[in-house]
Amino acid sequence: MNRPAYCGINCDKCPIHLATLESDPAIQVRMRTEIADLIWQKYEIKLSAAEITDCDGCVATSERLFTLCQNCPIRACARQKGHANCAECDEYGCGHLLQFFTQEPDAKIALDRIRSHC
């Protein structure tokens, strides 16, 4: 994939994407259980392992998209504006991103790096 999500997350390192790529069903279940625990700890959103759906990344053209990404306001905004990611936006640093960056500082670093090369 080698392309960041709209928000700057590196999908190639995302545990949800890595679980999607896992071919062993037992390992995949274990990974999804760990991801559900991580989401609870980090975002206080309670999901079961079954709700950790396959995901090819929010910029991918496939239909496989993680449950919480389906209604992501950052994704919806970037897609509506036709941006490859939020670094291209004139409103970069909007409220949605600022809140997100408090939980995902590496995403801000990635988008800032992209903006510096625009």
PDB file of N, CA and C in Angstrom:
ATOM      1  N   MET A   1       0.852  -1.186   0.000  1.00  0.00           N
ATOM      2  CA  MET A   1       0.000   0.000   0.000  1.00  0.00           C
ATOM      3  C   MET A   1       0.889   1.237   0.000  1.00  0.00           C
ATOM      4  N   ASN A   2       1.701   1.408   1.016  1.00  0.00           N
ATOM      5  CA  ASN A   2       2.692   2.473   1.093  1.00  0.00           C
ATOM      6  C   ASN A   2       2.119   3.875   0.877  1.00  0.00           C
ATOM      7  N   ARG A   3       0.910   4.082   1.308  1.00  0.00           N
ATOM      8  CA  ARG A   3       0.268   5.392   1.196  1.00  0.00           C
ATOM      9  C   ARG A   3      -0.427   5.678   2.525  1.00  0.00           C
ATOM     10  N   PRO A   4      -0.261   6.897   3.047  1.00  0.00           N
ATOM     11  CA  PRO A   4      -0.912   7.178   4.332  1.00  0.00           C
ATOM     12  C   PRO A   4      -2.424   7.296   4.186  1.00  0.00           C
ATOM     13  N   ALA A   5      -3.101   7.050   5.272  1.00  0.00           N
ATOM     14  CA  ALA A   5      -4.543   7.303   5.326  1.00  0.00           C
ATOM     15  C   ALA A   5      -4.757   8.810   5.236  1.00  0.00           C
ATOM     16  N   TYR A   6      -5.984   9.220   5.012  1.00  0.00           N
ATOM     17  CA  TYR A   6      -6.297  10.647   4.922  1.00  0.00           C
ATOM     18  C   TYR A   6      -5.773  11.400   6.140  1.00  0.00           C
ATOM     19  N   CYS A   7      -5.864  10.775   7.308  1.00  0.00           N
ATOM     20  CA  CYS A   7      -5.501  11.413   8.571  1.00  0.00           C
ATOM     21  C   CYS A   7      -4.008  11.362   8.873  1.00  0.00           C
ATOM     22  N   GLY A   8      -3.245  10.602   8.081  1.00  0.00           N
ATOM     23  CA  GLY A   8      -1.810  10.513   8.303  1.00  0.00           C
ATOM     24  C   GLY A   8      -1.341   9.213   8.919  1.00  0.00           C
ATOM     25  N   ILE A   9      -2.258   8.369   9.348  1.00  0.00           N
ATOM     26  CA  ILE A   9      -1.861   7.069   9.890  1.00  0.00           C
ATOM     27  C   ILE A   9      -1.194   6.257   8.788  1.00  0.00           C
ATOM     28  N   ASN A  10      -0.159   5.525   9.152  1.00  0.00           N
ATOM     29  CA  ASN A  10       0.519   4.637   8.213  1.00  0.00           C
ATOM     30  C   ASN A  10      -0.211   3.295   8.222  1.00  0.00           C
ATOM     31  N   CYS A  11      -1.003   3.045   7.207  1.00  0.00           N
ATOM     32  CA  CYS A  11      -1.809   1.822   7.153  1.00  0.00           C
ATOM     33  C   CYS A  11      -0.950   0.562   7.167  1.00  0.00           C
ATOM     34  N   ASP A  12       0.269   0.637   6.609  1.00  0.00           N
ATOM     35  CA  ASP A  12       1.139  -0.533   6.575  1.00  0.00           C
ATOM     36  C   ASP A  12       1.554  -0.983   7.974  1.00  0.00           C
ATOM     37  N   LYS A  13       1.472  -0.089   8.950  1.00  0.00           N
ATOM     38  CA  LYS A  13       1.822  -0.427  10.328  1.00  0.00           C
ATOM     39  C   LYS A  13       0.595  -0.565  11.221  1.00  0.00           C
ATOM     40  N   CYS A  14      -0.581  -0.311  10.685  1.00  0.00           N
ATOM     41  CA  CYS A  14      -1.816  -0.365  11.468  1.00  0.00           C
ATOM     42  C   CYS A  14      -2.125  -1.806  11.857  1.00  0.00           C
ATOM     43  N   PRO A  15      -2.355  -2.081  13.133  1.00  0.00           N
ATOM     44  CA  PRO A  15      -2.636  -3.456  13.551  1.00  0.00           C
ATOM     45  C   PRO A  15      -3.898  -4.036  12.910  1.00  0.00           C
ATOM     46  N   ILE A  16      -4.857  -3.189  12.584  1.00  0.00           N
ATOM     47  CA  ILE A  16      -6.082  -3.681  11.940  1.00  0.00           C
ATOM     48  C   ILE A  16      -5.758  -4.171  10.531  1.00  0.00           C
ATOM     49  N   HIS A  17      -4.962  -3.418   9.820  1.00  0.00           N
ATOM     50  CA  HIS A  17      -4.543  -3.840   8.476  1.00  0.00           C
ATOM     51  C   HIS A  17      -3.675  -5.099   8.555  1.00  0.00           C
ATOM     52  N   LEU A  18      -2.784  -5.160   9.534  1.00  0.00           N
ATOM     53  CA  LEU A  18      -1.933  -6.340   9.694  1.00  0.00           C
ATOM     54  C   LEU A  18      -2.767  -7.578  10.009  1.00  0.00           C
ATOM     55  N   ALA A  19      -3.815  -7.422  10.804  1.00  0.00           N
ATOM     56  CA  ALA A  19      -4.712  -8.548  11.090  1.00  0.00           C
ATOM     57  C   ALA A  19      -5.443  -8.982   9.823  1.00  0.00           C
ATOM     58  N   THR A  20      -5.795  -8.036   8.984  1.00  0.00           N
ATOM     59  CA  THR A  20      -6.451  -8.345   7.712  1.00  0.00           C
ATOM     60  C   THR A  20      -5.544  -9.209   6.839  1.00  0.00           C
ATOM     61  N   LEU A  21      -4.263  -8.928   6.854  1.00  0.00           N
ATOM     62  CA  LEU A  21      -3.305  -9.654   6.023  1.00  0.00           C
ATOM     63  C   LEU A  21      -2.945 -11.029   6.581  1.00  0.00           C
ATOM     64  N   GLU A  22      -3.212 -11.260   7.863  1.00  0.00           N
ATOM     65  CA  GLU A  22      -2.861 -12.534   8.508  1.00  0.00           C
ATOM     66  C   GLU A  22      -3.692 -13.671   7.920  1.00  0.00           C
ATOM     67  N   SER A  23      -3.032 -14.752   7.530  1.00  0.00           N
ATOM     68  CA  SER A  23      -3.735 -15.883   6.909  1.00  0.00           C
ATOM     69  C   SER A  23      -4.155 -16.955   7.908  1.00  0.00           C
ATOM     70  N   ASP A  24      -3.539 -16.993   9.071  1.00  0.00           N
ATOM     71  CA  ASP A  24      -3.885 -18.001  10.076  1.00  0.00           C
ATOM     72  C   ASP A  24      -5.077 -17.505  10.893  1.00  0.00           C
ATOM     73  N   PRO A  25      -6.228 -18.194  10.813  1.00  0.00           N
ATOM     74  CA  PRO A  25      -7.432 -17.729  11.521  1.00  0.00           C
ATOM     75  C   PRO A  25      -7.249 -17.606  13.035  1.00  0.00           C
ATOM     76  N   ALA A  26      -6.506 -18.510  13.648  1.00  0.00           N
ATOM     77  CA  ALA A  26      -6.306 -18.451  15.099  1.00  0.00           C
ATOM     78  C   ALA A  26      -5.493 -17.216  15.483  1.00  0.00           C
ATOM     79  N   ILE A  27      -4.463 -16.935  14.727  1.00  0.00           N
ATOM     80  CA  ILE A  27      -3.650 -15.746  14.995  1.00  0.00           C
ATOM     81  C   ILE A  27      -4.470 -14.490  14.732  1.00  0.00           C
ATOM     82  N   GLN A  28      -5.281 -14.524  13.695  1.00  0.00           N
ATOM     83  CA  GLN A  28      -6.116 -13.373  13.358  1.00  0.00           C
ATOM     84  C   GLN A  28      -7.093 -13.057  14.497  1.00  0.00           C
ATOM     85  N   VAL A  29      -7.704 -14.081  15.075  1.00  0.00           N
ATOM     86  CA  VAL A  29      -8.627 -13.871  16.204  1.00  0.00           C
ATOM     87  C   VAL A  29      -7.880 -13.263  17.385  1.00  0.00           C
ATOM     88  N   ARG A  30      -6.685 -13.792  17.678  1.00  0.00           N
ATOM     89  CA  ARG A  30      -5.888 -13.249  18.786  1.00  0.00           C
ATOM     90  C   ARG A  30      -5.543 -11.781  18.523  1.00  0.00           C
ATOM     91  N   MET A  31      -5.152 -11.474  17.299  1.00  0.00           N
ATOM     92  CA  MET A  31      -4.803 -10.092  16.955  1.00  0.00           C
ATOM     93  C   MET A  31      -6.012  -9.175  17.106  1.00  0.00           C
ATOM     94  N   ARG A  32      -7.165  -9.623  16.652  1.00  0.00           N
ATOM     95  CA  ARG A  32      -8.380  -8.800  16.731  1.00  0.00           C
ATOM     96  C   ARG A  32      -8.799  -8.566  18.186  1.00  0.00           C
ATOM     97  N   THR A  33      -8.599  -9.561  19.032  1.00  0.00           N
ATOM     98  CA  THR A  33      -8.895  -9.406  20.461  1.00  0.00           C
ATOM     99  C   THR A  33      -7.967  -8.358  21.076  1.00  0.00           C
ATOM    100  N   GLU A  34      -6.688  -8.419  20.734  1.00  0.00           N
ATOM    101  CA  GLU A  34      -5.723  -7.438  21.236  1.00  0.00           C
ATOM    102  C   GLU A  34      -6.053  -6.033  20.722  1.00  0.00           C
ATOM    103  N   ILE A  35      -6.488  -5.940  19.479  1.00  0.00           N
ATOM    104  CA  ILE A  35      -6.858  -4.644  18.901  1.00  0.00           C
ATOM    105  C   ILE A  35      -8.072  -4.064  19.624  1.00  0.00           C
ATOM    106  N   ALA A  36      -9.056  -4.909  19.904  1.00  0.00           N
ATOM    107  CA  ALA A  36     -10.246  -4.445  20.635  1.00  0.00           C
ATOM    108  C   ALA A  36      -9.845  -3.888  21.999  1.00  0.00           C
ATOM    109  N   ASP A  37      -8.927  -4.566  22.684  1.00  0.00           N
ATOM    110  CA  ASP A  37      -8.438  -4.077  23.978  1.00  0.00           C
ATOM    111  C   ASP A  37      -7.708  -2.740  23.819  1.00  0.00           C
ATOM    112  N   LEU A  38      -6.888  -2.633  22.789  1.00  0.00           N
ATOM    113  CA  LEU A  38      -6.146  -1.400  22.532  1.00  0.00           C
ATOM    114  C   LEU A  38      -7.086  -0.232  22.242  1.00  0.00           C
ATOM    115  N   ILE A  39      -8.120  -0.480  21.452  1.00  0.00           N
ATOM    116  CA  ILE A  39      -9.092   0.578  21.131  1.00  0.00           C
ATOM    117  C   ILE A  39      -9.811   1.041  22.396  1.00  0.00           C
ATOM    118  N   TRP A  40     -10.118   0.115  23.277  1.00  0.00           N
ATOM    119  CA  TRP A  40     -10.758   0.484  24.533  1.00  0.00           C
ATOM    120  C   TRP A  40      -9.810   1.348  25.372  1.00  0.00           C
ATOM    121  N   GLN A  41      -8.549   0.916  25.497  1.00  0.00           N
ATOM    122  CA  GLN A  41      -7.580   1.653  26.311  1.00  0.00           C
ATOM    123  C   GLN A  41      -7.292   3.046  25.744  1.00  0.00           C
ATOM    124  N   LYS A  42      -7.181   3.145  24.435  1.00  0.00           N
ATOM    125  CA  LYS A  42      -6.762   4.397  23.806  1.00  0.00           C
ATOM    126  C   LYS A  42      -7.917   5.361  23.556  1.00  0.00           C
ATOM    127  N   TYR A  43      -9.067   4.824  23.126  1.00  0.00           N
ATOM    128  CA  TYR A  43     -10.181   5.680  22.712  1.00  0.00           C
ATOM    129  C   TYR A  43     -11.438   5.521  23.560  1.00  0.00           C
ATOM    130  N   GLU A  44     -11.417   4.553  24.472  1.00  0.00           N
ATOM    131  CA  GLU A  44     -12.582   4.231  25.306  1.00  0.00           C
ATOM    132  C   GLU A  44     -13.805   3.889  24.463  1.00  0.00           C
ATOM    133  N   ILE A  45     -13.557   3.137  23.399  1.00  0.00           N
ATOM    134  CA  ILE A  45     -14.617   2.612  22.538  1.00  0.00           C
ATOM    135  C   ILE A  45     -14.599   1.099  22.691  1.00  0.00           C
ATOM    136  N   LYS A  46     -15.726   0.549  23.101  1.00  0.00           N
ATOM    137  CA  LYS A  46     -15.820  -0.890  23.357  1.00  0.00           C
ATOM    138  C   LYS A  46     -16.248  -1.614  22.090  1.00  0.00           C
ATOM    139  N   LEU A  47     -15.369  -2.487  21.597  1.00  0.00           N
ATOM    140  CA  LEU A  47     -15.658  -3.325  20.441  1.00  0.00           C
ATOM    141  C   LEU A  47     -15.305  -4.764  20.770  1.00  0.00           C
ATOM    142  N   SER A  48     -16.017  -5.676  20.161  1.00  0.00           N
ATOM    143  CA  SER A  48     -15.651  -7.085  20.280  1.00  0.00           C
ATOM    144  C   SER A  48     -14.641  -7.407  19.185  1.00  0.00           C
ATOM    145  N   ALA A  49     -13.979  -8.537  19.318  1.00  0.00           N
ATOM    146  CA  ALA A  49     -13.029  -8.955  18.288  1.00  0.00           C
ATOM    147  C   ALA A  49     -13.727  -9.096  16.938  1.00  0.00           C
ATOM    148  N   ALA A  50     -14.974  -9.532  16.941  1.00  0.00           N
ATOM    149  CA  ALA A  50     -15.732  -9.702  15.696  1.00  0.00           C
ATOM    150  C   ALA A  50     -16.007  -8.364  15.008  1.00  0.00           C
ATOM    151  N   GLU A  51     -16.016  -7.285  15.771  1.00  0.00           N
ATOM    152  CA  GLU A  51     -16.259  -5.958  15.196  1.00  0.00           C
ATOM    153  C   GLU A  51     -14.993  -5.332  14.597  1.00  0.00           C
ATOM    154  N   ILE A  52     -13.864  -5.986  14.804  1.00  0.00           N
ATOM    155  CA  ILE A  52     -12.619  -5.532  14.185  1.00  0.00           C
ATOM    156  C   ILE A  52     -12.605  -6.145  12.780  1.00  0.00           C
ATOM    157  N   THR A  53     -13.221  -5.440  11.858  1.00  0.00           N
ATOM    158  CA  THR A  53     -13.427  -5.946  10.502  1.00  0.00           C
ATOM    159  C   THR A  53     -12.166  -5.777   9.652  1.00  0.00           C
ATOM    160  N   ASP A  54     -12.108  -6.525   8.571  1.00  0.00           N
ATOM    161  CA  ASP A  54     -10.991  -6.403   7.637  1.00  0.00           C
ATOM    162  C   ASP A  54     -10.900  -4.979   7.112  1.00  0.00           C
ATOM    163  N   CYS A  55      -9.675  -4.536   6.852  1.00  0.00           N
ATOM    164  CA  CYS A  55      -9.475  -3.180   6.348  1.00  0.00           C
ATOM    165  C   CYS A  55      -8.257  -3.145   5.432  1.00  0.00           C
ATOM    166  N   ASP A  56      -8.467  -2.601   4.254  1.00  0.00           N
ATOM    167  CA  ASP A  56      -7.377  -2.391   3.301  1.00  0.00           C
ATOM    168  C   ASP A  56      -6.896  -0.945   3.324  1.00  0.00           C
ATOM    169  N   GLY A  57      -7.391  -0.162   4.263  1.00  0.00           N
ATOM    170  CA  GLY A  57      -7.030   1.247   4.373  1.00  0.00           C
ATOM    171  C   GLY A  57      -8.120   2.131   3.806  1.00  0.00           C
ATOM    172  N   CYS A  58      -8.303   3.294   4.402  1.00  0.00           N
ATOM    173  CA  CYS A  58      -9.435   4.142   4.006  1.00  0.00           C
ATOM    174  C   CYS A  58      -9.263   4.778   2.641  1.00  0.00           C
ATOM    175  N   VAL A  59      -8.054   4.781   2.090  1.00  0.00           N
ATOM    176  CA  VAL A  59      -7.860   5.319   0.746  1.00  0.00           C
ATOM    177  C   VAL A  59      -7.874   4.222  -0.322  1.00  0.00           C
ATOM    178  N   ALA A  60      -7.960   2.969   0.104  1.00  0.00           N
ATOM    179  CA  ALA A  60      -7.990   1.850  -0.844  1.00  0.00           C
ATOM    180  C   ALA A  60      -9.317   1.841  -1.602  1.00  0.00           C
ATOM    181  N   THR A  61      -9.307   1.217  -2.744  1.00  0.00           N
ATOM    182  CA  THR A  61     -10.517   1.160  -3.564  1.00  0.00           C
ATOM    183  C   THR A  61     -11.383  -0.049  -3.236  1.00  0.00           C
ATOM    184  N   SER A  62     -10.914  -0.931  -2.370  1.00  0.00           N
ATOM    185  CA  SER A  62     -11.705  -2.108  -2.004  1.00  0.00           C
ATOM    186  C   SER A  62     -12.832  -1.714  -1.055  1.00  0.00           C
ATOM    187  N   GLU A  63     -13.733  -2.626  -0.848  1.00  0.00           N
ATOM    188  CA  GLU A  63     -14.865  -2.400   0.063  1.00  0.00           C
ATOM    189  C   GLU A  63     -14.515  -2.749   1.506  1.00  0.00           C
ATOM    190  N   ARG A  64     -13.334  -3.325   1.738  1.00  0.00           N
ATOM    191  CA  ARG A  64     -12.961  -3.739   3.090  1.00  0.00           C
ATOM    192  C   ARG A  64     -12.436  -2.537   3.862  1.00  0.00           C
ATOM    193  N   LEU A  65     -13.251  -2.075   4.799  1.00  0.00           N
ATOM    194  CA  LEU A  65     -12.930  -0.890   5.578  1.00  0.00           C
ATOM    195  C   LEU A  65     -13.334  -1.127   7.028  1.00  0.00           C
ATOM    196  N   PHE A  66     -12.425  -0.847   7.951  1.00  0.00           N
ATOM    197  CA  PHE A  66     -12.673  -1.031   9.380  1.00  0.00           C
ATOM    198  C   PHE A  66     -13.947  -0.306   9.803  1.00  0.00           C
ATOM    199  N   THR A  67     -14.689  -0.923  10.682  1.00  0.00           N
ATOM    200  CA  THR A  67     -15.976  -0.429  11.158  1.00  0.00           C
ATOM    201  C   THR A  67     -15.945   1.056  11.517  1.00  0.00           C
ATOM    202  N   LEU A  68     -14.999   1.472  12.344  1.00  0.00           N
ATOM    203  CA  LEU A  68     -14.962   2.868  12.798  1.00  0.00           C
ATOM    204  C   LEU A  68     -14.537   3.836  11.696  1.00  0.00           C
ATOM    205  N   CYS A  69     -13.838   3.356  10.697  1.00  0.00           N
ATOM    206  CA  CYS A  69     -13.415   4.225   9.584  1.00  0.00           C
ATOM    207  C   CYS A  69     -14.560   4.532   8.632  1.00  0.00           C
ATOM    208  N   GLN A  70     -15.584   3.699   8.638  1.00  0.00           N
ATOM    209  CA  GLN A  70     -16.694   3.893   7.711  1.00  0.00           C
ATOM    210  C   GLN A  70     -17.404   5.225   7.926  1.00  0.00           C
ATOM    211  N   ASN A  71     -17.447   5.695   9.158  1.00  0.00           N
ATOM    212  CA  ASN A  71     -18.122   6.960   9.467  1.00  0.00           C
ATOM    213  C   ASN A  71     -17.156   8.026   9.972  1.00  0.00           C
ATOM    214  N   CYS A  72     -15.898   7.902   9.620  1.00  0.00           N
ATOM    215  CA  CYS A  72     -14.877   8.837  10.094  1.00  0.00           C
ATOM    216  C   CYS A  72     -15.076  10.211   9.453  1.00  0.00           C
ATOM    217  N   PRO A  73     -15.221  11.272  10.262  1.00  0.00           N
ATOM    218  CA  PRO A  73     -15.420  12.610   9.692  1.00  0.00           C
ATOM    219  C   PRO A  73     -14.195  13.120   8.929  1.00  0.00           C
ATOM    220  N   ILE A  74     -13.007  12.694   9.321  1.00  0.00           N
ATOM    221  CA  ILE A  74     -11.793  13.106   8.613  1.00  0.00           C
ATOM    222  C   ILE A  74     -11.788  12.491   7.217  1.00  0.00           C
ATOM    223  N   ARG A  75     -12.083  11.221   7.141  1.00  0.00           N
ATOM    224  CA  ARG A  75     -12.145  10.520   5.851  1.00  0.00           C
ATOM    225  C   ARG A  75     -13.215  11.141   4.951  1.00  0.00           C
ATOM    226  N   ALA A  76     -14.394  11.365   5.509  1.00  0.00           N
ATOM    227  CA  ALA A  76     -15.501  11.925   4.724  1.00  0.00           C
ATOM    228  C   ALA A  76     -15.131  13.297   4.156  1.00  0.00           C
ATOM    229  N   CYS A  77     -14.514  14.128   4.959  1.00  0.00           N
ATOM    230  CA  CYS A  77     -14.136  15.479   4.532  1.00  0.00           C
ATOM    231  C   CYS A  77     -13.096  15.424   3.411  1.00  0.00           C
ATOM    232  N   ALA A  78     -12.046  14.639   3.604  1.00  0.00           N
ATOM    233  CA  ALA A  78     -10.984  14.556   2.597  1.00  0.00           C
ATOM    234  C   ALA A  78     -11.508  13.995   1.281  1.00  0.00           C
ATOM    235  N   ARG A  79     -12.374  12.995   1.367  1.00  0.00           N
ATOM    236  CA  ARG A  79     -12.940  12.412   0.141  1.00  0.00           C
ATOM    237  C   ARG A  79     -13.829  13.429  -0.577  1.00  0.00           C
ATOM    238  N   GLN A  80     -14.620  14.159   0.204  1.00  0.00           N
ATOM    239  CA  GLN A  80     -15.508  15.155  -0.400  1.00  0.00           C
ATOM    240  C   GLN A  80     -14.702  16.235  -1.124  1.00  0.00           C
ATOM    241  N   LYS A  81     -13.570  16.602  -0.545  1.00  0.00           N
ATOM    242  CA  LYS A  81     -12.731  17.650  -1.138  1.00  0.00           C
ATOM    243  C   LYS A  81     -11.786  17.112  -2.217  1.00  0.00           C
ATOM    244  N   GLY A  82     -11.738  15.794  -2.360  1.00  0.00           N
ATOM    245  CA  GLY A  82     -10.896  15.188  -3.384  1.00  0.00           C
ATOM    246  C   GLY A  82      -9.413  15.177  -3.066  1.00  0.00           C
ATOM    247  N   HIS A  83      -9.079  15.219  -1.777  1.00  0.00           N
ATOM    248  CA  HIS A  83      -7.677  15.229  -1.365  1.00  0.00           C
ATOM    249  C   HIS A  83      -7.139  13.810  -1.205  1.00  0.00           C
ATOM    250  N   ALA A  84      -5.861  13.625  -1.506  1.00  0.00           N
ATOM    251  CA  ALA A  84      -5.199  12.343  -1.260  1.00  0.00           C
ATOM    252  C   ALA A  84      -5.036  12.126   0.240  1.00  0.00           C
ATOM    253  N   ASN A  85      -4.852  13.214   0.986  1.00  0.00           N
ATOM    254  CA  ASN A  85      -4.788  13.189   2.450  1.00  0.00           C
ATOM    255  C   ASN A  85      -4.979  14.618   2.948  1.00  0.00           C
ATOM    256  N   CYS A  86      -5.076  14.764   4.239  1.00  0.00           N
ATOM    257  CA  CYS A  86      -5.384  16.076   4.824  1.00  0.00           C
ATOM    258  C   CYS A  86      -4.262  17.095   4.658  1.00  0.00           C
ATOM    259  N   ALA A  87      -3.057  16.645   4.355  1.00  0.00           N
ATOM    260  CA  ALA A  87      -1.947  17.581   4.158  1.00  0.00           C
ATOM    261  C   ALA A  87      -2.211  18.522   2.990  1.00  0.00           C
ATOM    262  N   GLU A  88      -3.062  18.125   2.055  1.00  0.00           N
ATOM    263  CA  GLU A  88      -3.371  18.943   0.881  1.00  0.00           C
ATOM    264  C   GLU A  88      -4.423  20.021   1.156  1.00  0.00           C
ATOM    265  N   CYS A  89      -5.038  19.983   2.314  1.00  0.00           N
ATOM    266  CA  CYS A  89      -6.189  20.837   2.586  1.00  0.00           C
ATOM    267  C   CYS A  89      -5.785  22.239   3.059  1.00  0.00           C
ATOM    268  N   ASP A  90      -6.500  23.242   2.562  1.00  0.00           N
ATOM    269  CA  ASP A  90      -6.284  24.624   3.003  1.00  0.00           C
ATOM    270  C   ASP A  90      -6.677  24.820   4.463  1.00  0.00           C
ATOM    271  N   GLU A  91      -7.515  23.930   4.978  1.00  0.00           N
ATOM    272  CA  GLU A  91      -7.967  24.020   6.366  1.00  0.00           C
ATOM    273  C   GLU A  91      -7.196  23.056   7.269  1.00  0.00           C
ATOM    274  N   TYR A  92      -5.997  22.671   6.843  1.00  0.00           N
ATOM    275  CA  TYR A  92      -5.175  21.744   7.621  1.00  0.00           C
ATOM    276  C   TYR A  92      -5.020  22.262   9.046  1.00  0.00           C
ATOM    277  N   GLY A  93      -5.216  21.351   9.988  1.00  0.00           N
ATOM    278  CA  GLY A  93      -5.185  21.723  11.393  1.00  0.00           C
ATOM    279  C   GLY A  93      -6.568  22.027  11.926  1.00  0.00           C
ATOM    280  N   CYS A  94      -7.590  21.583  11.194  1.00  0.00           N
ATOM    281  CA  CYS A  94      -8.981  21.808  11.615  1.00  0.00           C
ATOM    282  C   CYS A  94      -9.261  21.085  12.935  1.00  0.00           C
ATOM    283  N   GLY A  95     -10.421  21.314  13.478  1.00  0.00           N
ATOM    284  CA  GLY A  95     -10.797  20.735  14.765  1.00  0.00           C
ATOM    285  C   GLY A  95     -10.763  19.221  14.793  1.00  0.00           C
ATOM    286  N   HIS A  96     -11.231  18.586  13.718  1.00  0.00           N
ATOM    287  CA  HIS A  96     -11.205  17.119  13.671  1.00  0.00           C
ATOM    288  C   HIS A  96      -9.771  16.603  13.783  1.00  0.00           C
ATOM    289  N   LEU A  97      -8.871  17.218  13.035  1.00  0.00           N
ATOM    290  CA  LEU A  97      -7.481  16.765  13.058  1.00  0.00           C
ATOM    291  C   LEU A  97      -6.808  17.056  14.391  1.00  0.00           C
ATOM    292  N   LEU A  98      -7.023  18.243  14.933  1.00  0.00           N
ATOM    293  CA  LEU A  98      -6.372  18.590  16.200  1.00  0.00           C
ATOM    294  C   LEU A  98      -6.755  17.611  17.297  1.00  0.00           C
ATOM    295  N   GLN A  99      -8.021  17.257  17.359  1.00  0.00           N
ATOM    296  CA  GLN A  99      -8.472  16.278  18.354  1.00  0.00           C
ATOM    297  C   GLN A  99      -7.825  14.920  18.084  1.00  0.00           C
ATOM    298  N   PHE A 100      -7.796  14.515  16.837  1.00  0.00           N
ATOM    299  CA  PHE A 100      -7.213  13.236  16.454  1.00  0.00           C
ATOM    300  C   PHE A 100      -5.718  13.192  16.773  1.00  0.00           C
ATOM    301  N   PHE A 101      -5.016  14.281  16.506  1.00  0.00           N
ATOM    302  CA  PHE A 101      -3.574  14.328  16.734  1.00  0.00           C
ATOM    303  C   PHE A 101      -3.207  14.162  18.205  1.00  0.00           C
ATOM    304  N   THR A 102      -4.102  14.522  19.122  1.00  0.00           N
ATOM    305  CA  THR A 102      -3.798  14.316  20.542  1.00  0.00           C
ATOM    306  C   THR A 102      -3.672  12.828  20.849  1.00  0.00           C
ATOM    307  N   GLN A 103      -4.385  11.993  20.092  1.00  0.00           N
ATOM    308  CA  GLN A 103      -4.329  10.543  20.297  1.00  0.00           C
ATOM    309  C   GLN A 103      -3.355   9.856  19.345  1.00  0.00           C
ATOM    310  N   GLU A 104      -3.066  10.489  18.226  1.00  0.00           N
ATOM    311  CA  GLU A 104      -2.194   9.898  17.204  1.00  0.00           C
ATOM    312  C   GLU A 104      -1.141  10.920  16.748  1.00  0.00           C
ATOM    313  N   PRO A 105      -0.183  11.253  17.618  1.00  0.00           N
ATOM    314  CA  PRO A 105       0.807  12.277  17.256  1.00  0.00           C
ATOM    315  C   PRO A 105       1.664  11.900  16.046  1.00  0.00           C
ATOM    316  N   ASP A 106       1.882  10.619  15.809  1.00  0.00           N
ATOM    317  CA  ASP A 106       2.667  10.212  14.640  1.00  0.00           C
ATOM    318  C   ASP A 106       1.957  10.571  13.336  1.00  0.00           C
ATOM    319  N   ALA A 107       0.637  10.607  13.363  1.00  0.00           N
ATOM    320  CA  ALA A 107      -0.126  10.993  12.174  1.00  0.00           C
ATOM    321  C   ALA A 107       0.152  12.453  11.828  1.00  0.00           C
ATOM    322  N   LYS A 108       0.253  13.302  12.849  1.00  0.00           N
ATOM    323  CA  LYS A 108       0.567  14.721  12.613  1.00  0.00           C
ATOM    324  C   LYS A 108       1.963  14.863  12.021  1.00  0.00           C
ATOM    325  N   ILE A 109       2.903  14.119  12.550  1.00  0.00           N
ATOM    326  CA  ILE A 109       4.273  14.168  12.029  1.00  0.00           C
ATOM    327  C   ILE A 109       4.288  13.782  10.550  1.00  0.00           C
ATOM    328  N   ALA A 110       3.550  12.731  10.211  1.00  0.00           N
ATOM    329  CA  ALA A 110       3.503  12.271   8.816  1.00  0.00           C
ATOM    330  C   ALA A 110       2.890  13.326   7.901  1.00  0.00           C
ATOM    331  N   LEU A 111       1.779  13.914   8.325  1.00  0.00           N
ATOM    332  CA  LEU A 111       1.129  14.929   7.488  1.00  0.00           C
ATOM    333  C   LEU A 111       1.959  16.204   7.402  1.00  0.00           C
ATOM    334  N   ASP A 112       2.595  16.584   8.502  1.00  0.00           N
ATOM    335  CA  ASP A 112       3.476  17.761   8.471  1.00  0.00           C
ATOM    336  C   ASP A 112       4.623  17.537   7.479  1.00  0.00           C
ATOM    337  N   ARG A 113       5.149  16.329   7.457  1.00  0.00           N
ATOM    338  CA  ARG A 113       6.235  15.992   6.529  1.00  0.00           C
ATOM    339  C   ARG A 113       5.745  16.108   5.078  1.00  0.00           C
ATOM    340  N   ILE A 114       4.550  15.612   4.818  1.00  0.00           N
ATOM    341  CA  ILE A 114       3.975  15.704   3.469  1.00  0.00           C
ATOM    342  C   ILE A 114       3.763  17.167   3.086  1.00  0.00           C
ATOM    343  N   ARG A 115       3.229  17.960   4.025  1.00  0.00           N
ATOM    344  CA  ARG A 115       2.976  19.388   3.744  1.00  0.00           C
ATOM    345  C   ARG A 115       4.273  20.131   3.425  1.00  0.00           C
ATOM    346  N   SER A 116       5.348  19.759   4.073  1.00  0.00           N
ATOM    347  CA  SER A 116       6.620  20.454   3.845  1.00  0.00           C
ATOM    348  C   SER A 116       7.182  20.179   2.449  1.00  0.00           C
ATOM    349  N   HIS A 117       6.685  19.136   1.806  1.00  0.00           N
ATOM    350  CA  HIS A 117       7.142  18.798   0.455  1.00  0.00           C
ATOM    351  C   HIS A 117       6.162  19.240  -0.624  1.00  0.00           C
ATOM    352  N   CYS A 118       5.067  19.879  -0.222  1.00  0.00           N
ATOM    353  CA  CYS A 118       4.059  20.326  -1.206  1.00  0.00           C
ATOM    354  C   CYS A 118       4.453  21.637  -1.837  1.00  0.00           C
TER     355      CYS A 118
END
